[in-house]
Protein backbone atom coordinates (compact mmCIF):
# COMPACT_ATOMS: atom_id res chain seq x y z
CA MET A 1 0.00 0.00 0.00
CA LYS A 2 1.30 3.45 -0.87
CA ARG A 3 2.45 5.69 1.97
CA ARG A 4 -0.40 8.17 1.39
CA GLY A 5 -3.01 5.41 1.49
CA VAL A 6 -1.63 4.12 4.77
CA THR A 7 -1.73 7.61 6.23
CA VAL A 8 -5.36 8.15 5.17
CA LEU A 9 -6.41 4.77 6.58
CA LEU A 10 -4.60 5.39 9.85
CA GLY A 11 -6.17 8.81 10.12
CA ALA A 12 -9.61 7.33 9.58
CA VAL A 13 -9.04 4.70 12.28
CA ILE A 14 -7.84 7.34 14.73
CA THR A 15 -10.85 9.51 13.92
CA VAL A 16 -13.25 6.62 14.58
CA LEU A 17 -11.51 5.77 17.83
CA LEU A 18 -11.62 9.39 18.95
CA SER A 19 -15.29 9.58 18.00
CA LEU A 20 -16.08 6.47 19.97
CA GLY A 21 -14.25 7.91 22.95
CA VAL A 22 -16.18 11.13 22.78
CA LEU A 23 -19.50 9.35 22.43
CA ALA A 24 -18.73 7.13 25.41
CA ALA A 25 -17.44 9.86 27.72
CA PRO A 26 -19.79 11.46 30.27
CA ILE A 27 -20.82 15.05 29.61
CA PRO A 28 -21.77 17.76 32.16
CA TYR A 29 -25.50 17.46 31.58
CA VAL A 30 -28.41 15.46 32.98
CA VAL A 31 -31.55 14.26 31.24
CA LEU A 32 -34.94 14.88 32.84
CA SER A 33 -37.72 12.49 31.83
CA PRO A 34 -41.32 11.90 32.97
CA GLY A 35 -41.17 9.81 36.14
CA PRO A 36 -43.72 7.49 37.68
CA THR A 37 -46.98 8.84 39.05
CA VAL A 38 -48.54 7.51 42.25
CA ASN A 39 -52.17 7.52 43.34
CA THR A 40 -52.07 8.85 46.90
CA LEU A 41 -55.46 7.20 47.50
CA GLY A 42 -54.18 3.79 46.43
CA LYS A 43 -51.38 1.37 47.15
CA ASP A 44 -47.68 1.26 46.42
CA ASP A 45 -45.74 -1.97 46.85
CA ASN A 46 -48.99 -3.57 48.13
CA LYS A 47 -49.30 -1.02 50.96
CA ASP A 48 -51.66 1.91 51.31
CA VAL A 49 -49.78 5.12 50.53
CA ILE A 50 -51.81 6.95 53.19
CA GLN A 51 -52.37 4.68 56.17
CA VAL A 52 -55.03 5.53 58.76
CA SER A 53 -56.07 3.49 61.80
CA GLY A 54 -58.40 4.25 64.68
CA THR A 55 -61.08 6.05 62.71
CA GLU A 56 -63.36 5.60 59.72
CA THR A 57 -61.91 6.17 56.26
CA PHE A 58 -63.65 6.59 52.90
CA ASN A 59 -62.95 5.21 49.44
CA SER A 60 -62.92 7.28 46.27
CA ALA A 61 -63.98 6.30 42.78
CA GLY A 62 -61.16 8.32 41.23
CA GLN A 63 -57.49 8.98 41.84
CA LEU A 64 -55.25 11.76 43.13
CA ARG A 65 -51.87 11.22 41.48
CA LEU A 66 -48.61 12.85 42.50
CA THR A 67 -46.13 13.30 39.68
CA THR A 68 -42.36 12.90 39.54
CA VAL A 69 -39.35 13.52 37.33
CA LYS A 70 -36.73 10.90 36.56
CA VAL A 71 -33.15 12.23 36.51
CA ARG A 72 -30.50 10.45 34.48
CA SER A 73 -27.14 11.73 35.70
CA ASP A 74 -24.65 9.48 33.91
CA VAL A 75 -25.24 10.96 30.47
CA LYS A 76 -23.23 10.30 27.31
CA LEU A 77 -23.35 12.37 24.15
CA LEU A 78 -25.77 10.20 22.14
CA PRO A 79 -28.48 10.07 24.87
CA ALA A 80 -28.07 13.82 25.33
CA ILE A 81 -28.59 14.40 21.62
CA ALA A 82 -31.67 12.18 21.74
CA GLY A 83 -32.93 14.20 24.72
CA TRP A 84 -32.45 17.49 22.90
CA PHE A 85 -34.68 16.26 20.09
CA SER A 86 -37.28 14.64 22.42
CA ASP A 87 -40.64 16.26 23.07
CA ASP A 88 -40.81 14.67 26.53
CA ASP A 89 -37.28 14.96 27.89
CA ALA A 90 -35.10 17.92 28.82
CA VAL A 91 -31.31 18.16 28.82
CA VAL A 92 -30.03 20.63 31.43
CA PRO A 93 -26.60 21.49 32.83
CA ARG A 94 -25.59 19.15 35.61
CA GLU A 95 -25.22 21.97 38.14
CA VAL A 96 -28.96 22.69 37.89
CA ILE A 97 -29.63 19.40 39.71
CA TYR A 98 -26.28 18.83 41.41
CA PRO A 99 -24.82 22.18 42.55
CA PRO A 100 -21.04 22.57 42.48
CA ASP A 101 -19.20 21.12 45.48
CA THR A 102 -22.20 18.87 46.18
CA THR A 103 -22.17 15.12 45.60
CA GLU A 104 -25.06 13.12 44.19
CA GLN A 105 -25.35 11.38 47.56
CA GLN A 106 -25.70 14.72 49.36
CA VAL A 107 -28.40 15.85 46.92
CA GLU A 108 -30.26 12.56 47.36
CA GLN A 109 -30.04 12.91 51.15
CA GLN A 110 -31.43 16.44 50.95
CA ASN A 111 -34.22 15.21 48.67
CA ALA A 112 -35.08 12.51 51.19
CA GLU A 113 -35.23 15.08 53.99
CA ASP A 114 -37.37 17.41 51.87
CA PHE A 115 -39.71 14.52 51.09
CA ALA A 116 -40.13 13.70 54.78
CA ALA A 117 -40.76 17.37 55.57
CA SER A 118 -43.35 17.55 52.78
CA GLN A 119 -45.25 14.67 54.37
CA THR A 120 -45.25 16.36 57.78
CA SER A 121 -46.46 19.67 56.37
CA ALA A 122 -49.11 17.91 54.28
CA GLU A 123 -50.41 16.19 57.39
CA THR A 124 -50.46 19.47 59.34
CA ALA A 125 -52.31 21.37 56.61
CA ALA A 126 -54.78 18.55 55.91
CA LEU A 127 -55.61 17.92 59.56
CA THR A 128 -56.14 21.64 60.12
CA GLU A 129 -58.54 21.62 57.16
CA LEU A 130 -60.37 18.69 58.78
CA GLY A 131 -60.84 20.53 62.05
CA TYR A 132 -57.81 19.45 64.09
CA PRO A 133 -55.99 22.71 64.81
CA VAL A 134 -52.33 23.05 65.69
CA GLN A 135 -51.57 23.76 69.33
CA VAL A 136 -48.42 25.73 70.13
CA THR A 137 -47.58 24.21 73.50
CA ILE A 138 -44.94 25.29 76.04
CA THR A 139 -42.51 22.49 76.85
CA GLU A 140 -40.07 24.44 79.01
CA VAL A 141 -40.01 27.77 80.88
CA THR A 142 -36.55 29.26 81.41
CA ALA A 143 -35.67 29.77 85.07
CA GLY A 144 -35.24 33.47 85.75
CA GLY A 145 -36.60 34.34 82.30
CA PRO A 146 -39.38 36.77 81.39
CA SER A 147 -42.11 34.11 81.51
CA GLU A 148 -41.10 32.33 84.70
CA SER A 149 -43.92 33.62 86.87
CA ALA A 150 -46.50 33.96 84.09
CA LEU A 151 -46.51 30.82 81.96
CA LYS A 152 -46.24 27.10 82.71
CA VAL A 153 -45.27 23.93 80.90
CA GLY A 154 -48.35 22.64 79.08
CA ASP A 155 -49.85 26.07 78.41
CA VAL A 156 -51.13 26.45 74.84
CA ILE A 157 -50.26 29.86 73.35
CA THR A 158 -53.22 31.26 71.41
CA THR A 159 -52.49 34.95 70.72
CA VAL A 160 -49.84 37.66 70.90
CA ASP A 161 -51.24 41.18 71.25
CA GLY A 162 -54.58 39.87 70.03
CA GLN A 163 -53.17 38.25 66.89
CA PRO A 164 -53.85 34.50 66.54
CA VAL A 165 -51.00 32.03 66.99
CA THR A 166 -51.89 29.07 64.81
CA LEU A 167 -48.36 27.77 64.13
CA ALA A 168 -45.13 27.80 66.09
CA GLY A 169 -43.64 30.28 63.65
CA ASP A 170 -46.41 32.77 64.42
CA LEU A 171 -45.21 33.10 68.01
CA THR A 172 -41.56 33.49 67.04
CA GLU A 173 -42.39 36.11 64.40
CA ALA A 174 -44.67 38.09 66.72
CA ILE A 175 -41.91 38.33 69.33
CA GLN A 176 -38.94 38.95 67.07
CA THR A 177 -40.50 41.62 64.84
CA LYS A 178 -40.69 43.96 67.84
CA PRO A 179 -37.75 45.45 69.75
CA SER A 180 -36.37 43.80 72.84
CA GLY A 181 -38.05 45.20 75.92
CA THR A 182 -41.53 45.28 74.34
CA ALA A 183 -44.38 44.36 76.67
CA LEU A 184 -46.40 41.66 74.92
CA THR A 185 -49.87 40.43 75.82
CA ILE A 186 -49.74 36.65 75.55
CA GLY A 187 -53.03 34.76 75.33
CA TYR A 188 -53.02 31.12 76.42
CA THR A 189 -55.15 28.28 77.65
CA ARG A 190 -54.24 26.25 80.73
CA GLY A 191 -56.21 23.08 81.31
CA GLY A 192 -58.80 24.38 78.88
CA THR A 193 -59.21 27.69 80.72
CA PRO A 194 -58.18 30.85 78.82
CA GLY A 195 -55.91 33.47 80.31
CA THR A 196 -53.56 36.32 79.43
CA ALA A 197 -50.19 37.47 80.67
CA THR A 198 -48.09 40.56 80.00
CA ILE A 199 -44.49 39.52 79.31
CA THR A 200 -41.59 41.79 78.40
CA SER A 201 -39.26 40.33 75.81
CA GLU A 202 -35.51 40.35 76.26
CA ALA A 203 -32.44 39.71 74.11
CA THR A 204 -29.21 38.22 75.45
CA ASN A 205 -25.82 37.63 73.83
CA GLY A 206 -26.88 39.34 70.63
CA GLN A 207 -29.77 36.93 70.06
CA PRO A 208 -33.20 38.02 68.76
CA PRO A 209 -35.82 38.96 71.40
CA ARG A 210 -37.32 36.07 73.35
CA ILE A 211 -39.78 35.49 76.17
CA GLY A 212 -37.93 32.56 77.76
CA VAL A 213 -39.97 29.55 76.70
CA LYS A 214 -39.48 26.52 74.51
CA ILE A 215 -42.45 25.45 72.44
CA GLU A 216 -43.64 22.45 70.47
CA GLN A 217 -46.18 22.33 67.67
CA LYS A 218 -48.78 19.64 68.45
CA GLN A 219 -51.92 18.63 66.61
CA PRO A 220 -54.00 16.20 68.68
CA HIS A 221 -56.20 13.82 66.71
CA PRO A 222 -57.85 10.57 67.85
CA PHE A 223 -56.34 8.29 65.18
CA ASN A 224 -53.02 7.26 63.67
CA LEU A 225 -51.89 8.68 60.34
CA LYS A 226 -48.86 7.66 58.29
CA ILE A 227 -47.63 8.22 54.75
CA ASP A 228 -45.66 5.25 53.43
CA LEU A 229 -44.01 5.75 50.06
CA ALA A 230 -40.44 4.83 49.13
CA ASP A 231 -38.05 5.80 46.33
CA ILE A 232 -39.38 9.32 45.86
CA GLY A 233 -37.55 12.46 46.92
CA GLY A 234 -38.04 16.19 47.11
CA PRO A 235 -40.87 18.32 48.48
CA SER A 236 -43.16 18.50 45.45
CA ALA A 237 -45.65 15.81 46.55
CA GLY A 238 -46.94 17.90 49.46
CA LEU A 239 -50.10 19.16 47.75
CA MET A 240 -51.23 15.74 46.54
CA PHE A 241 -50.50 14.15 49.93
CA ALA A 242 -52.61 16.80 51.66
CA LEU A 243 -55.50 16.27 49.23
CA GLY A 244 -55.20 12.52 49.70
CA ILE A 245 -55.48 12.84 53.47
CA VAL A 246 -58.53 15.12 53.23
CA ASP A 247 -60.16 12.73 50.76
CA LYS A 248 -59.46 9.64 52.82
CA LEU A 249 -60.70 11.09 56.11
CA GLY A 250 -63.60 13.11 54.69
CA ALA A 251 -66.85 11.66 53.40
CA GLU A 252 -66.69 13.72 50.18
CA ASP A 253 -65.05 12.05 47.18
CA LEU A 254 -62.81 14.89 46.04
CA THR A 255 -62.09 13.27 42.69
CA GLY A 256 -65.65 12.96 41.43
CA GLY A 257 -64.56 9.64 39.96
CA LYS A 258 -61.86 11.26 37.80
CA VAL A 259 -58.08 10.90 37.66
CA ILE A 260 -56.64 14.16 38.95
CA ALA A 261 -52.90 14.82 38.95
CA GLY A 262 -50.87 17.67 40.35
CA THR A 263 -47.74 18.89 42.03
CA GLY A 264 -46.59 21.54 44.48
CA THR A 265 -44.95 21.97 47.84
CA MET A 266 -47.12 22.39 50.91
CA ASN A 267 -46.33 24.37 54.04
CA ASP A 268 -47.93 23.99 57.45
CA ALA A 269 -50.31 26.88 56.76
CA GLY A 270 -51.62 25.24 53.57
CA GLY A 271 -49.66 27.33 51.08
CA VAL A 272 -48.73 25.71 47.76
CA GLY A 273 -45.25 26.48 46.48
CA PRO A 274 -43.51 26.11 43.09
CA ILE A 275 -41.50 23.11 41.98
CA GLY A 276 -39.28 21.98 39.11
CA GLY A 277 -39.88 19.63 36.21
CA ILE A 278 -43.35 20.84 35.22
CA PRO A 279 -42.96 19.82 31.53
CA GLN A 280 -42.06 16.23 32.41
CA LYS A 281 -44.74 16.01 35.11
CA LEU A 282 -47.44 17.09 32.67
CA VAL A 283 -46.40 14.34 30.25
CA GLY A 284 -46.35 11.75 33.05
CA ALA A 285 -49.80 12.84 34.22
CA LYS A 286 -51.29 12.58 30.74
CA ASP A 287 -49.75 9.12 30.28
CA ALA A 288 -51.34 8.06 33.60
CA GLY A 289 -54.81 9.02 32.36
CA ALA A 290 -55.22 12.31 34.24
CA VAL A 291 -58.01 14.58 33.03
CA ALA A 292 -56.92 17.62 35.06
CA PHE A 293 -53.66 18.92 36.52
CA LEU A 294 -53.30 21.18 39.56
CA VAL A 295 -50.42 23.63 39.02
CA PRO A 296 -48.79 25.89 41.65
CA ALA A 297 -49.56 29.49 40.71
CA ASP A 298 -45.87 30.36 40.38
CA ASN A 299 -45.41 27.56 37.82
CA CYS A 300 -48.33 28.53 35.60
CA ASP A 301 -46.32 30.42 32.96
CA GLU A 302 -43.98 27.48 32.48
CA ALA A 303 -46.91 25.06 32.45
CA VAL A 304 -48.70 27.03 29.74
CA ASP A 305 -45.51 27.08 27.66
CA ASN A 306 -45.34 23.28 27.94
CA ALA A 307 -49.05 22.44 27.80
CA VAL A 308 -50.01 18.88 26.90
CA SER A 309 -52.97 18.45 24.58
CA GLY A 310 -56.07 17.19 26.36
CA LEU A 311 -54.81 17.98 29.88
CA PRO A 312 -56.42 21.14 31.32
CA MET A 313 -54.35 22.91 33.97
CA PHE A 314 -55.73 24.77 36.96
CA LYS A 315 -53.93 27.32 39.13
CA VAL A 316 -53.74 26.85 42.90
CA SER A 317 -51.97 28.87 45.59
CA THR A 318 -53.33 27.13 48.68
CA LEU A 319 -54.87 23.88 49.78
CA ASP A 320 -58.21 25.68 49.90
CA ASP A 321 -57.72 26.71 46.27
CA ALA A 322 -57.12 23.07 45.32
CA LEU A 323 -60.21 21.91 47.20
CA THR A 324 -62.28 24.62 45.53
CA ALA A 325 -60.94 23.61 42.11
CA LEU A 326 -61.91 19.99 42.71
CA GLU A 327 -65.35 20.99 43.95
CA THR A 328 -65.84 23.08 40.82
CA LEU A 329 -64.81 20.16 38.61
CA ARG A 330 -67.24 17.85 40.40
CA SER A 331 -70.09 20.26 39.77
CA GLY A 332 -69.23 20.54 36.07
CA GLY A 333 -67.73 24.02 36.34
CA GLN A 334 -64.42 25.48 35.20
CA PRO A 335 -61.79 26.16 37.91
CA THR A 336 -59.30 29.01 37.55
CA PRO A 337 -57.06 28.06 34.62
CA CYS A 338 -53.34 28.70 34.34
């Protein structure tokens, strides 16, 4: 073979080998795809997702499905190219999901913690909706502190300067938004009997103002409630968990026999917050047979930009909004669209 022919052939082989190396090497992107959806009113791994004992529960003819996003982190060039041309997937820089200086294991651990917190907040908001209010209860009174002679362990704080205290954060905010040395009128119940006390806040060692008590947020209810769902992370299932609890413990079938999907964080006060992965969650919901999708208000613009044919989307900012939307659907009306 002539020298030039050998050179061309060798160059071609090297080019192929280099190409194969590039195609096989990881790239700094991840692929987001529609993940599984779960009916919060049903079972997962042969166990009820929402487990209640000690009181009557109710069955629904429809479904309330939480939605998820599947993240593929070990991405090569060819799958990334396929993702770029896919209508269902998204290819995003790796740091969007895994921030710099953070390992995948740390992100997964944070997601697990967020998921647990979402369950707790969903329970709090749903039980409040069902008539089981939060009680901000004193667990310790600091010796020599401002509340020593006025409040006792077991007291339930109800107001500060006439403003209701419905969550633990309400008490902290009411105290710390006023200067140290402010005389506060604290409403409480002790053994079921209401009372008030005037307590002057103080600040020590540069700390925010305090009244010298430790508190715990309790929510007494005469039954056991547990959410049991594995292999899902992040806080975005909060809304659908809360709706599932209300549906299971209330006589009203919230679904009206339909498959309803949705997403959104949930805080203790029933507020619905924004999440990521709306485009993939809409596709997953449609594939699961959903006929309506509940969207956090702050995600509506993105949802409209990624609308899925045949899947109407309705805007919600609170748990009450979501319940109203479902009631409107049951009556044949049109909830607030995105």
